[in-house]
Structure formats: structure tokens, C-alpha cells
Amino acid sequence: MRVVVTGATGNCGTALIRRLAAEPAVDSIVGVARRAPDWSPAKTDWRTADVGQDDLVPILQRADAVVHLAWQMQPSHNIAQLLRTNVLGSRRVFEAAATAGVRSVVYASSVGAYSPGPADRDTLVDESWPTDGIQTSRYSKEKAAVERILDRVEERHPQLRVVRIRPCLIFQRDMGAEAHRFFIGPLLPRSLVRPSVLPVLPMPSAIRAQAVHTDDMADAYRLAVLHSVRGAFNIGNEPRLTPQVIASVFGARHVAVPAKVARAAVSAAWYSRIVPVDAGWVDMALQAPLLDWTRARTELGWAPTVSSTDALLELVNGIREGAGAPTPALDPSYTSAPSGAGASPTS
């Protein structure tokens, strides 16, 4: 089996490459990224390409499956560039796969594609929940837009096996430097992102989330490539990350903050270019549903091996240590947002 992975140098891409390299059923891997890494995993060849503009058909020819992970998070103020990579780029990958005769497409969707969750924030939703996104979140709207693109691709190409993986937050130690660069910025020094340093953690009480370790996430993508399944699969985990649970990971005390105050503060900081993420991420934390991953367990045979809290703690330690990996996307020495496909904590 020949597998192409777009966004192969990012958080999930590097872990998936390692998983596929160790998989006996996979004979060759093509890693696609804007910049080739100084890394030579087994069975893997690198192709440099921008999914938003380069010809992808030659790269996908003779492939049995493509796993589309490429997604750009920054620069968050350049909306046109993000749309070109995330929405147009995704469409170009899917259309190139159909043209090249690829049999299977596995797409990294997200919990962010879902519409706001139930009023009871602790209720889990399955894959039938609407995927119209959260309209005040740019990231969420882009993920929902790609779901609609995939709907049309499946209608036009019924022979193409399409799998949509919709994960919760995805964490590992090696994304520490990238996470600080892309989502926190200089406002909070890395030295303060560690347990027992912050005495209080201000956060709206309604926030709910789940987190999965990147290695467990990579295994879900591997299983989706190998199994003859179609459709959407949620990837969730326990325990649920409530403000109290998150505060306990930091050894801090949760202090409730009104949602409007938190949103206004993040919005002002983003417009002032103090933080790299906009207020839409606050809206997702307050509205995105929690995921029921029964289908992944029963049809893919997937189960998490690292808890949500342990995955979060590993990320916190990675941020403090400035941890990374030998790829351009995860390189701790990289100091500016890349112009190509980057990584996401939810894709």
C-alpha cells in the first residue's frame, strides 16, 4: 500500500508517518509539506508542495490512500491566505485524489466542524450532530466549509472512499514550542506555563473540552487507512477538561470569569497583535460539543492510551521546555508563522 500524507511535518503528520512506517501493510509513504524536513523515516519520500497552488495530481498518482492533514493556523490576520490553504487547498487535494485514481481519502476534520453543542455542556454527541460550525469562529467556519466540499466530492465520485476524522484537541510534548508560538505568543512567558507556578487560573465556568495524545490520534488515522470504512468518526477522550480539571493540572485554583469578559479580553489582545489567536477560539471552547467516540471504538478498534489530563500535562511541560522535533513545523528555533500548511490542536 502506498499512502500520501499532506501536512506531514506537523503535529499529527510526524506521528502518523512513524505509525505508517511501522505498519507492515504499508509499503511506501509520501510526505507532502511546503518545506522538506531533515528527517528520514523508513519507507518515506518527501515532496515539497503548497496544497493551495501546486499541481498535486503527479504526487497522488499510484497512491492507494491520501491522509489530508495540511491546515494553516497563522498568520491569523491574513484571512485570504488561510482560506487559500485551508478551504481551497483542501478542495484541491480532494479533486486531485479523484483525478489521480486514489481509492481512499482520509480527512482531518475537527470537533470545530460541529454546530454548537447541547445546552447541557456535559452531553456527548455522535457523528450525526450537524456540522454547520460555530459562526463566530473562523476556524470552525472553515472546517464546516470543507465538510460541505467533501459532500460534493462524494456525490461526484462515489467510487472514492471518504473518511472524516473529527477529533477533539490533540496534544503532545513535541508541539510545545509550536503551541506557544501559534496560540499563546509573548504575552505569557514559557517559564510561567508549568504546574504550581500560576496560583489562579481565570476561565469561564462553561468551558468543556477533551484532549487526545498525538500518538493515539495518529493511530486513528492509521486504522482509517487500513479499514474499509466510510463516513465520520469522532475521536474523544476522558476525563473531560472542565475549568476545575484544567486548573488542577496547573496546580492552580479556578477563578470564574464571565464569558463576555474573557471574549472581550482575547479579542482586544488579538486586534492589538498581543496574542496570535482570535476570540473565535473562546467561542469554540464555550460552544463546541463533547464527542462520543463509540463508532471509532467499535468499527476502527480505536481506543486512547493516554488520558486527556496526561496529554494536557505533557503539552504544558513541552511548552515550558520549548520542546519540538526536527521538522520545519515543529522546530523550536522557528520564530515566525509559516506561510504554508501548519498544524492545529484539533486537526
Protein backbone atom coordinates (compact mmCIF):
# COMPACT_ATOMS: atom_id res chain seq x y z
CA MET A 1 0.00 0.00 0.00
CA ARG A 2 1.19 3.49 -0.91
CA VAL A 3 -0.03 6.32 1.35
CA VAL A 4 0.34 10.07 0.78
CA VAL A 5 0.20 12.36 3.82
CA THR A 6 -0.28 16.10 3.37
CA GLY A 7 0.86 18.32 6.24
CA ALA A 8 3.30 15.53 7.05
CA THR A 9 5.73 17.64 9.08
CA GLY A 10 3.22 18.93 11.63
CA ASN A 11 1.93 17.71 14.98
CA CYS A 12 -0.17 14.79 13.68
CA GLY A 13 1.77 14.32 10.45
CA THR A 14 5.04 13.36 12.12
CA ALA A 15 3.31 10.90 14.44
CA LEU A 16 1.36 9.36 11.55
CA ILE A 17 4.50 8.96 9.45
CA ARG A 18 6.07 6.99 12.31
CA ARG A 19 2.95 4.83 12.65
CA LEU A 20 2.76 4.10 8.92
CA ALA A 21 6.49 3.36 8.71
CA ALA A 22 5.99 0.63 11.30
CA GLU A 23 2.87 -0.77 9.59
CA PRO A 24 3.59 -3.99 7.58
CA ALA A 25 0.67 -3.34 5.21
CA VAL A 26 2.21 -0.03 4.09
CA ASP A 27 4.98 -0.33 1.50
CA SER A 28 5.70 3.33 0.80
CA ILE A 29 4.84 6.75 2.21
CA VAL A 30 4.92 10.14 0.51
CA GLY A 31 5.16 13.04 2.92
CA VAL A 32 3.94 16.35 1.45
CA ALA A 33 4.98 19.65 3.01
CA ARG A 34 5.96 23.15 1.91
CA ARG A 35 9.46 22.55 3.24
CA ALA A 36 11.16 19.16 3.34
CA PRO A 37 12.46 18.21 6.79
CA ASP A 38 15.90 16.99 7.77
CA TRP A 39 14.34 13.70 8.82
CA SER A 40 14.46 10.32 7.07
CA PRO A 41 11.88 7.88 8.46
CA ALA A 42 11.64 4.43 6.92
CA LYS A 43 9.67 3.93 3.68
CA THR A 44 9.20 7.71 3.30
CA ASP A 45 9.88 10.04 0.39
CA TRP A 46 9.32 13.78 0.68
CA ARG A 47 7.60 16.03 -1.84
CA THR A 48 7.57 19.82 -1.43
CA ALA A 49 4.25 21.34 -2.44
CA ASP A 50 1.79 24.02 -1.42
CA VAL A 51 -1.69 22.48 -1.42
CA GLY A 52 -3.17 25.88 -2.24
CA GLN A 53 -1.44 26.31 -5.59
CA ASP A 54 0.85 23.47 -6.76
CA ASP A 55 -0.11 20.61 -9.08
CA LEU A 56 -0.97 17.73 -6.76
CA VAL A 57 -2.04 15.10 -9.28
CA PRO A 58 1.50 13.85 -10.04
CA ILE A 59 2.16 13.49 -6.31
CA LEU A 60 -1.01 11.45 -5.77
CA GLN A 61 -0.66 9.13 -8.76
CA ARG A 62 -0.22 5.46 -7.82
CA ALA A 63 -1.33 6.20 -4.25
CA ASP A 64 -3.85 3.90 -2.59
CA ALA A 65 -4.79 6.45 0.07
CA VAL A 66 -4.21 10.10 0.96
CA VAL A 67 -4.47 11.42 4.50
CA HIS A 68 -5.14 15.15 4.30
CA LEU A 69 -3.77 16.85 7.43
CA ALA A 70 -2.48 20.13 5.96
CA TRP A 71 -4.04 23.12 7.70
CA GLN A 72 -2.75 26.61 8.34
CA MET A 73 -3.30 28.42 11.65
CA GLN A 74 -1.17 31.53 11.24
CA PRO A 75 -0.88 34.35 10.31
CA SER A 76 -4.38 34.69 11.77
CA HIS A 77 -4.77 38.27 10.49
CA ASN A 78 -4.28 37.17 6.87
CA ILE A 79 -7.71 35.64 6.26
CA ALA A 80 -7.24 35.33 2.49
CA GLN A 81 -4.09 33.28 2.93
CA LEU A 82 -5.72 30.96 5.45
CA LEU A 83 -8.70 30.40 3.16
CA ARG A 84 -6.39 29.62 0.25
CA THR A 85 -4.63 26.89 2.19
CA ASN A 86 -7.43 25.53 4.34
CA VAL A 87 -10.54 25.66 2.16
CA LEU A 88 -9.25 25.96 -1.39
CA GLY A 89 -6.26 23.74 -0.60
CA SER A 90 -8.49 21.02 0.83
CA ARG A 91 -10.72 21.10 -2.26
CA ARG A 92 -7.65 20.85 -4.49
CA VAL A 93 -6.40 17.80 -2.56
CA PHE A 94 -9.75 16.01 -2.84
CA GLU A 95 -10.15 16.79 -6.54
CA ALA A 96 -6.57 15.76 -7.29
CA ALA A 97 -7.15 12.47 -5.45
CA ALA A 98 -10.21 11.73 -7.60
CA THR A 99 -8.34 12.68 -10.80
CA ALA A 100 -5.32 10.54 -9.87
CA GLY A 101 -7.48 7.49 -9.13
CA VAL A 102 -6.75 7.33 -5.42
CA ARG A 103 -9.11 4.87 -3.77
CA SER A 104 -9.33 6.36 -0.27
CA VAL A 105 -9.28 9.86 1.25
CA VAL A 106 -8.95 10.31 4.99
CA TYR A 107 -9.59 13.91 6.01
CA ALA A 108 -8.61 15.56 9.29
CA SER A 109 -11.83 17.32 10.20
CA SER A 110 -12.41 18.52 13.76
CA VAL A 111 -14.79 18.94 16.65
CA GLY A 112 -14.72 22.52 15.38
CA ALA A 113 -16.81 21.50 12.36
CA TYR A 114 -19.80 20.81 14.59
CA SER A 115 -22.58 23.26 15.33
CA PRO A 116 -22.90 24.43 18.94
CA GLY A 117 -23.45 21.53 21.29
CA PRO A 118 -26.42 20.75 23.55
CA ALA A 119 -27.44 23.19 26.28
CA ASP A 120 -26.18 20.64 28.79
CA ARG A 121 -22.42 21.08 28.23
CA ASP A 122 -21.69 17.58 29.56
CA THR A 123 -23.80 15.77 26.94
CA LEU A 124 -21.84 13.79 24.34
CA VAL A 125 -22.78 13.95 20.65
CA ASP A 126 -22.23 11.35 17.96
CA GLU A 127 -21.37 11.83 14.29
CA SER A 128 -24.96 12.73 13.36
CA TRP A 129 -24.70 16.13 15.07
CA PRO A 130 -24.93 18.98 12.50
CA THR A 131 -21.66 20.23 11.01
CA ASP A 132 -22.54 23.86 10.34
CA GLY A 133 -19.79 25.19 12.56
CA ILE A 134 -19.79 27.99 15.13
CA GLN A 135 -20.40 31.16 13.17
CA THR A 136 -18.24 33.45 15.32
CA SER A 137 -15.19 31.21 14.91
CA ARG A 138 -13.21 31.48 11.68
CA TYR A 139 -11.53 28.12 12.29
CA SER A 140 -14.91 26.45 12.87
CA LYS A 141 -16.46 28.00 9.75
CA GLU A 142 -13.53 26.82 7.63
CA LYS A 143 -13.82 23.26 8.96
CA ALA A 144 -17.56 23.28 8.25
CA ALA A 145 -16.93 24.64 4.73
CA VAL A 146 -14.58 21.75 3.98
CA GLU A 147 -17.22 19.28 5.18
CA ARG A 148 -19.57 20.73 2.53
CA ILE A 149 -16.84 20.41 -0.11
CA LEU A 150 -16.43 16.75 0.82
CA ASP A 151 -20.20 16.25 0.50
CA ARG A 152 -19.98 17.38 -3.13
CA VAL A 153 -16.85 15.32 -3.80
CA GLU A 154 -18.59 12.19 -2.55
CA GLU A 155 -21.63 12.90 -4.73
CA ARG A 156 -19.49 13.29 -7.87
CA HIS A 157 -17.08 10.43 -7.10
CA PRO A 158 -18.99 7.61 -5.38
CA GLN A 159 -16.09 5.24 -6.06
CA LEU A 160 -13.89 7.29 -3.70
CA ARG A 161 -13.88 6.01 -0.13
CA VAL A 162 -14.05 9.08 2.11
CA VAL A 163 -13.40 9.03 5.85
CA ARG A 164 -13.79 12.12 8.02
CA ILE A 165 -11.96 12.00 11.32
CA ARG A 166 -13.36 14.56 13.80
CA PRO A 167 -11.02 14.78 16.78
CA CYS A 168 -11.00 16.76 19.97
CA LEU A 169 -7.87 18.72 20.99
CA ILE A 170 -4.61 16.95 20.09
CA PHE A 171 -1.57 17.37 22.35
CA GLN A 172 1.96 16.07 22.74
CA ARG A 173 5.23 17.30 24.24
CA ASP A 174 6.92 17.86 20.87
CA MET A 175 4.40 20.54 19.88
CA GLY A 176 5.34 22.66 22.90
CA ALA A 177 7.33 25.35 21.07
CA GLU A 178 4.83 25.44 18.20
CA ALA A 179 1.85 25.74 20.57
CA HIS A 180 3.47 28.65 22.41
CA ARG A 181 4.27 30.37 19.11
CA PHE A 182 0.89 29.80 17.43
CA PHE A 183 -1.58 30.04 20.32
CA ILE A 184 -0.05 31.87 23.28
CA GLY A 185 2.52 34.33 22.00
CA PRO A 186 4.85 36.54 24.03
CA LEU A 187 2.20 37.72 26.49
CA LEU A 188 2.76 34.66 28.70
CA PRO A 189 6.43 33.63 29.10
CA ARG A 190 7.16 29.93 28.74
CA SER A 191 8.60 29.84 32.25
CA LEU A 192 5.13 30.51 33.69
CA VAL A 193 3.46 27.67 31.75
CA ARG A 194 4.05 24.94 34.27
CA PRO A 195 2.31 23.36 37.24
CA SER A 196 2.40 25.13 40.62
CA VAL A 197 3.55 28.50 39.23
CA LEU A 198 0.19 30.10 38.44
CA PRO A 199 -1.79 30.42 41.72
CA VAL A 200 -5.11 31.04 39.95
CA LEU A 201 -6.46 30.22 36.52
CA PRO A 202 -9.19 32.63 35.35
CA MET A 203 -11.59 30.92 32.96
CA PRO A 204 -15.33 30.89 32.13
CA SER A 205 -17.08 28.12 34.03
CA ALA A 206 -18.92 26.80 30.95
CA ILE A 207 -15.75 25.68 29.14
CA ARG A 208 -15.64 21.98 28.33
CA ALA A 209 -13.10 20.11 26.18
CA GLN A 210 -11.48 16.75 25.56
CA ALA A 211 -7.88 16.04 24.60
CA VAL A 212 -6.17 13.10 22.93
CA HIS A 213 -2.47 12.38 22.68
CA THR A 214 -0.97 12.86 19.22
CA ASP A 215 0.25 9.25 19.08
CA ASP A 216 -3.28 7.98 19.80
CA MET A 217 -4.60 10.36 17.13
CA ALA A 218 -2.09 9.04 14.60
CA ASP A 219 -3.31 5.52 15.31
CA ALA A 220 -6.87 6.57 14.45
CA TYR A 221 -5.68 7.84 11.07
CA ARG A 222 -3.69 4.63 10.51
CA LEU A 223 -6.74 2.50 11.26
CA ALA A 224 -8.90 4.62 8.95
CA VAL A 225 -6.43 3.99 6.12
CA LEU A 226 -6.36 0.23 6.70
CA HIS A 227 -10.07 -0.46 7.35
CA SER A 228 -12.75 -0.48 4.66
CA VAL A 229 -14.91 2.09 6.42
CA ARG A 230 -16.60 5.27 5.25
CA GLY A 231 -18.10 8.32 6.86
CA ALA A 232 -17.31 10.27 10.02
CA PHE A 233 -15.59 9.13 13.19
CA ASN A 234 -15.37 11.14 16.40
CA ILE A 235 -12.17 10.89 18.41
CA GLY A 236 -12.69 11.86 22.04
CA ASN A 237 -11.26 11.04 25.44
CA GLU A 238 -11.71 11.21 29.19
CA PRO A 239 -11.63 12.83 31.64
CA ARG A 240 -13.42 15.89 30.37
CA LEU A 241 -11.39 19.06 30.69
CA THR A 242 -13.51 21.35 32.82
CA PRO A 243 -12.01 24.55 34.23
CA GLN A 244 -11.55 22.79 37.57
CA VAL A 245 -9.72 19.86 35.95
CA ILE A 246 -7.53 22.18 33.87
CA ALA A 247 -6.69 24.24 36.96
CA SER A 248 -5.73 21.07 38.83
CA VAL A 249 -3.24 20.19 36.07
CA PHE A 250 -1.60 23.58 36.68
CA GLY A 251 -1.78 23.16 40.45
CA ALA A 252 -3.90 26.32 40.48
CA ARG A 253 -7.31 27.41 41.71
CA HIS A 254 -10.01 28.10 39.15
CA VAL A 255 -11.46 31.60 39.26
CA ALA A 256 -14.68 32.00 37.29
CA VAL A 257 -14.65 34.79 34.69
CA PRO A 258 -17.76 35.88 32.76
CA ALA A 259 -17.65 34.60 29.18
CA LYS A 260 -18.19 38.10 27.78
CA VAL A 261 -15.20 39.42 29.72
CA ALA A 262 -12.94 36.58 28.54
CA ARG A 263 -14.03 37.03 24.95
CA ALA A 264 -13.55 40.80 25.03
CA ALA A 265 -10.07 40.44 26.53
CA VAL A 266 -8.92 37.92 23.89
CA SER A 267 -10.47 39.98 21.09
CA ALA A 268 -8.70 43.15 22.24
CA ALA A 269 -5.40 41.31 22.58
CA TRP A 270 -5.74 39.81 19.10
CA TYR A 271 -6.59 43.11 17.42
CA SER A 272 -3.60 44.62 19.23
CA ARG A 273 -1.48 41.69 17.98
CA ILE A 274 -0.54 40.77 21.53
CA VAL A 275 -1.87 37.21 21.20
CA PRO A 276 -1.93 35.17 17.94
CA VAL A 277 -5.45 33.73 18.30
CA ASP A 278 -8.79 35.49 17.97
CA ALA A 279 -11.91 35.37 20.15
CA GLY A 280 -13.40 32.63 17.99
CA TRP A 281 -11.34 30.15 19.98
CA VAL A 282 -13.09 31.28 23.17
CA ASP A 283 -16.43 30.74 21.43
CA MET A 284 -15.41 27.22 20.43
CA ALA A 285 -14.34 26.41 23.99
CA LEU A 286 -17.74 27.61 25.20
CA GLN A 287 -19.93 26.07 22.50
CA ALA A 288 -18.27 23.08 20.78
CA PRO A 289 -19.78 19.75 21.85
CA LEU A 290 -18.11 16.91 23.67
CA LEU A 291 -17.62 13.85 21.49
CA ASP A 292 -18.96 10.32 21.74
CA TRP A 293 -16.34 8.08 20.09
CA THR A 294 -18.29 4.81 20.21
CA ARG A 295 -18.10 4.36 16.43
CA ALA A 296 -14.31 4.68 16.41
CA ARG A 297 -14.09 2.09 19.16
CA THR A 298 -16.45 -0.43 17.57
CA GLU A 299 -15.65 -0.04 13.84
CA LEU A 300 -11.99 1.01 13.88
CA GLY A 301 -10.96 -0.78 17.05
CA TRP A 302 -9.51 2.51 18.32
CA ALA A 303 -9.07 3.38 21.98
CA PRO A 304 -6.98 6.08 23.66
CA THR A 305 -3.97 5.00 25.72
CA VAL A 306 -3.24 8.43 27.25
CA SER A 307 -5.86 10.34 29.26
CA SER A 308 -6.96 13.89 28.48
CA THR A 309 -5.23 15.20 31.58
CA ASP A 310 -1.96 13.39 30.86
CA ALA A 311 -1.97 14.69 27.28
CA LEU A 312 -2.54 18.23 28.57
CA LEU A 313 0.20 17.89 31.18
CA GLU A 314 2.61 16.65 28.50
CA LEU A 315 1.83 19.71 26.38
CA VAL A 316 2.28 22.05 29.36
CA ASN A 317 5.69 20.56 30.06
CA GLY A 318 6.57 20.78 26.37
CA ILE A 319 5.69 24.47 26.27
CA ARG A 320 7.81 25.18 29.35
CA GLU A 321 10.75 23.27 27.88
CA GLY A 322 10.38 24.72 24.38
CA ALA A 323 10.13 21.16 23.07
CA GLY A 324 9.99 20.39 19.36
CA ALA A 325 11.01 17.97 16.63
CA PRO A 326 13.32 18.01 13.57
CA THR A 327 10.72 19.27 11.10
CA PRO A 328 10.11 22.86 9.98
CA ALA A 329 6.64 22.99 11.57
CA LEU A 330 7.83 21.75 14.97
CA ASP A 331 11.32 23.28 15.02
CA PRO A 332 11.74 25.29 18.26
CA SER A 333 14.13 27.70 16.53
CA TYR A 334 11.49 28.77 14.02
CA THR A 335 10.40 32.23 15.12
CA SER A 336 7.63 33.30 12.73
CA ALA A 337 4.40 31.81 11.49
CA PRO A 338 4.92 29.68 8.38
CA SER A 339 3.27 30.72 5.16
CA GLY A 340 2.27 27.19 4.28
CA ALA A 341 0.25 24.42 5.86
CA GLY A 342 0.73 24.31 9.57
CA ALA A 343 -0.58 22.31 12.48
CA SER A 344 -3.72 22.58 14.55
CA PRO A 345 -4.53 21.42 18.04
CA THR A 346 -7.77 19.99 16.65
CA SER A 347 -6.75 18.53 13.33
